[in-house]
């Protein structure tokens, strides 16, 4: 049907690594975490939110939430600037060490 193209009908198709990776099926994301925390502070989820469209009366624009997966306890720190996240983490870490006697 096409003119000007010479085809070798005896040739074998070449292996394309990129094509195989692109077509490979991926495993579904697990519905449940296989890791269960056994003590307070063993696994903590951190979430930062902000900046808020409306600031609080104290001028806070963002919040930082720590959630312990053993007790499901949450602690929220309100921030004027997101750059204060690490300072809030150090405060939370000190609180965990002193109040819960854990690392």
C-alpha atoms as a PDB file:
ATOM      1  CA  UNK A   1       0.000   0.000   0.000  1.00  0.00           C
ATOM      2  CA  UNK A   2       2.907   2.352   0.612  1.00  0.00           C
ATOM      3  CA  UNK A   3       5.653   3.107  -1.783  1.00  0.00           C
ATOM      4  CA  UNK A   4       9.259   3.960  -0.979  1.00  0.00           C
ATOM      5  CA  UNK A   5       9.534   1.917   2.226  1.00  0.00           C
ATOM      6  CA  UNK A   6      11.536  -1.317   2.238  1.00  0.00           C
ATOM      7  CA  UNK A   7      10.353  -3.793   4.874  1.00  0.00           C
ATOM      8  CA  UNK A   8      12.302  -6.817   6.016  1.00  0.00           C
ATOM      9  CA  UNK A   9       9.606  -9.377   6.703  1.00  0.00           C
ATOM     10  CA  UNK A  10      12.105 -11.769   8.313  1.00  0.00           C
ATOM     11  CA  UNK A  11      13.260  -9.310  11.016  1.00  0.00           C
ATOM     12  CA  UNK A  12      12.291  -9.758  14.666  1.00  0.00           C
ATOM     13  CA  UNK A  13      10.871  -6.855  16.726  1.00  0.00           C
ATOM     14  CA  UNK A  14      13.354  -5.169  19.052  1.00  0.00           C
ATOM     15  CA  UNK A  15      12.845  -5.139  22.822  1.00  0.00           C
ATOM     16  CA  UNK A  16      11.934  -1.638  23.999  1.00  0.00           C
ATOM     17  CA  UNK A  17      12.636  -1.196  27.732  1.00  0.00           C
ATOM     18  CA  UNK A  18      10.764   2.137  27.873  1.00  0.00           C
ATOM     19  CA  UNK A  19       7.649   0.622  26.296  1.00  0.00           C
ATOM     20  CA  UNK A  20       7.655  -2.242  28.792  1.00  0.00           C
ATOM     21  CA  UNK A  21       7.962   0.139  31.762  1.00  0.00           C
ATOM     22  CA  UNK A  22       5.218   2.394  30.423  1.00  0.00           C
ATOM     23  CA  UNK A  23       2.819  -0.511  29.987  1.00  0.00           C
ATOM     24  CA  UNK A  24       3.654  -2.245  33.261  1.00  0.00           C
ATOM     25  CA  UNK A  25       0.763  -2.592  35.680  1.00  0.00           C
ATOM     26  CA  UNK A  26       1.208  -0.888  39.037  1.00  0.00           C
ATOM     27  CA  UNK A  27       0.207  -2.359  42.352  1.00  0.00           C
ATOM     28  CA  UNK A  28      -2.775  -0.592  43.972  1.00  0.00           C
ATOM     29  CA  UNK A  29      -2.085   1.702  46.915  1.00  0.00           C
ATOM     30  CA  UNK A  30      -2.736  -0.231  50.140  1.00  0.00           C
ATOM     31  CA  UNK A  31      -6.061   0.570  51.802  1.00  0.00           C
ATOM     32  CA  UNK A  32      -4.674   0.062  55.292  1.00  0.00           C
ATOM     33  CA  UNK A  33      -1.303   0.840  56.825  1.00  0.00           C
ATOM     34  CA  UNK A  34       0.557  -2.343  57.744  1.00  0.00           C
ATOM     35  CA  UNK A  35       2.536  -0.551  60.469  1.00  0.00           C
ATOM     36  CA  UNK A  36       0.773  -0.267  63.819  1.00  0.00           C
ATOM     37  CA  UNK A  37       2.312   2.025  66.435  1.00  0.00           C
ATOM     38  CA  UNK A  38       2.815   0.355  69.815  1.00  0.00           C
ATOM     39  CA  UNK A  39       3.876   3.347  71.928  1.00  0.00           C
ATOM     40  CA  UNK A  40       3.128   7.057  71.998  1.00  0.00           C
ATOM     41  CA  UNK A  41       5.253   8.998  69.523  1.00  0.00           C
ATOM     42  CA  UNK A  42       6.389   5.974  67.523  1.00  0.00           C
ATOM     43  CA  UNK A  43       4.609   7.282  64.429  1.00  0.00           C
ATOM     44  CA  UNK A  44       3.325  10.832  64.105  1.00  0.00           C
ATOM     45  CA  UNK A  45       1.622  12.437  61.115  1.00  0.00           C
ATOM     46  CA  UNK A  46       2.234  16.144  60.582  1.00  0.00           C
ATOM     47  CA  UNK A  47       0.016  18.420  58.516  1.00  0.00           C
ATOM     48  CA  UNK A  48       0.535  22.113  57.830  1.00  0.00           C
ATOM     49  CA  UNK A  49      -2.309  24.264  56.594  1.00  0.00           C
ATOM     50  CA  UNK A  50      -2.331  27.853  55.404  1.00  0.00           C
ATOM     51  CA  UNK A  51      -2.088  30.658  54.746  1.00  0.00           C
ATOM     52  CA  UNK A  52      -5.679  31.279  55.717  1.00  0.00           C
ATOM     53  CA  UNK A  53      -7.669  33.883  53.771  1.00  0.00           C
ATOM     54  CA  UNK A  54      -8.639  35.475  57.099  1.00  0.00           C
ATOM     55  CA  UNK A  55      -6.100  35.883  59.889  1.00  0.00           C
ATOM     56  CA  UNK A  56      -6.923  35.158  63.516  1.00  0.00           C
ATOM     57  CA  UNK A  57      -7.167  37.929  66.112  1.00  0.00           C
ATOM     58  CA  UNK A  58      -3.596  37.104  67.138  1.00  0.00           C
ATOM     59  CA  UNK A  59      -2.393  37.424  63.535  1.00  0.00           C
ATOM     60  CA  UNK A  60      -1.935  33.708  62.930  1.00  0.00           C
ATOM     61  CA  UNK A  61      -2.146  32.645  59.295  1.00  0.00           C
ATOM     62  CA  UNK A  62      -1.295  28.928  59.389  1.00  0.00           C
ATOM     63  CA  UNK A  63      -1.674  25.877  61.582  1.00  0.00           C
ATOM     64  CA  UNK A  64       0.517  22.857  62.222  1.00  0.00           C
ATOM     65  CA  UNK A  65      -1.164  19.647  63.408  1.00  0.00           C
ATOM     66  CA  UNK A  66       0.643  16.672  64.963  1.00  0.00           C
ATOM     67  CA  UNK A  67      -1.354  13.420  65.168  1.00  0.00           C
ATOM     68  CA  UNK A  68      -0.023  10.453  67.126  1.00  0.00           C
ATOM     69  CA  UNK A  69      -1.116   7.175  65.522  1.00  0.00           C
ATOM     70  CA  UNK A  70      -1.008   5.192  68.776  1.00  0.00           C
ATOM     71  CA  UNK A  71      -3.547   7.302  70.691  1.00  0.00           C
ATOM     72  CA  UNK A  72      -4.918   9.330  67.754  1.00  0.00           C
ATOM     73  CA  UNK A  73      -4.292  12.433  69.865  1.00  0.00           C
ATOM     74  CA  UNK A  74      -3.856  15.665  67.953  1.00  0.00           C
ATOM     75  CA  UNK A  75      -2.011  18.819  68.948  1.00  0.00           C
ATOM     76  CA  UNK A  76      -2.375  21.978  66.926  1.00  0.00           C
ATOM     77  CA  UNK A  77       0.046  24.886  66.876  1.00  0.00           C
ATOM     78  CA  UNK A  78      -1.014  28.165  65.289  1.00  0.00           C
ATOM     79  CA  UNK A  79       1.668  29.974  63.290  1.00  0.00           C
ATOM     80  CA  UNK A  80       2.082  33.530  62.094  1.00  0.00           C
ATOM     81  CA  UNK A  81       4.532  32.336  59.430  1.00  0.00           C
ATOM     82  CA  UNK A  82       5.158  28.889  57.937  1.00  0.00           C
ATOM     83  CA  UNK A  83       8.859  29.393  58.605  1.00  0.00           C
ATOM     84  CA  UNK A  84       8.095  28.741  62.305  1.00  0.00           C
ATOM     85  CA  UNK A  85       7.252  25.050  61.646  1.00  0.00           C
ATOM     86  CA  UNK A  86      10.584  23.713  62.855  1.00  0.00           C
ATOM     87  CA  UNK A  87      10.379  25.719  66.081  1.00  0.00           C
ATOM     88  CA  UNK A  88       6.901  24.276  66.709  1.00  0.00           C
ATOM     89  CA  UNK A  89       8.223  20.792  66.003  1.00  0.00           C
ATOM     90  CA  UNK A  90      10.958  21.262  68.622  1.00  0.00           C
ATOM     91  CA  UNK A  91       8.313  22.375  71.154  1.00  0.00           C
ATOM     92  CA  UNK A  92       6.184  19.307  70.337  1.00  0.00           C
ATOM     93  CA  UNK A  93       9.182  16.986  70.558  1.00  0.00           C
ATOM     94  CA  UNK A  94      10.120  18.407  73.981  1.00  0.00           C
ATOM     95  CA  UNK A  95       6.515  17.980  75.148  1.00  0.00           C
ATOM     96  CA  UNK A  96       6.484  14.314  74.028  1.00  0.00           C
ATOM     97  CA  UNK A  97       9.764  13.648  75.840  1.00  0.00           C
ATOM     98  CA  UNK A  98       8.652  15.276  79.085  1.00  0.00           C
ATOM     99  CA  UNK A  99       4.971  14.275  79.261  1.00  0.00           C
ATOM    100  CA  UNK A 100       5.056  10.838  77.671  1.00  0.00           C
ATOM    101  CA  UNK A 101       8.620   9.813  78.560  1.00  0.00           C
ATOM    102  CA  UNK A 102       9.370   8.625  75.023  1.00  0.00           C
ATOM    103  CA  UNK A 103      11.559   9.625  72.097  1.00  0.00           C
END
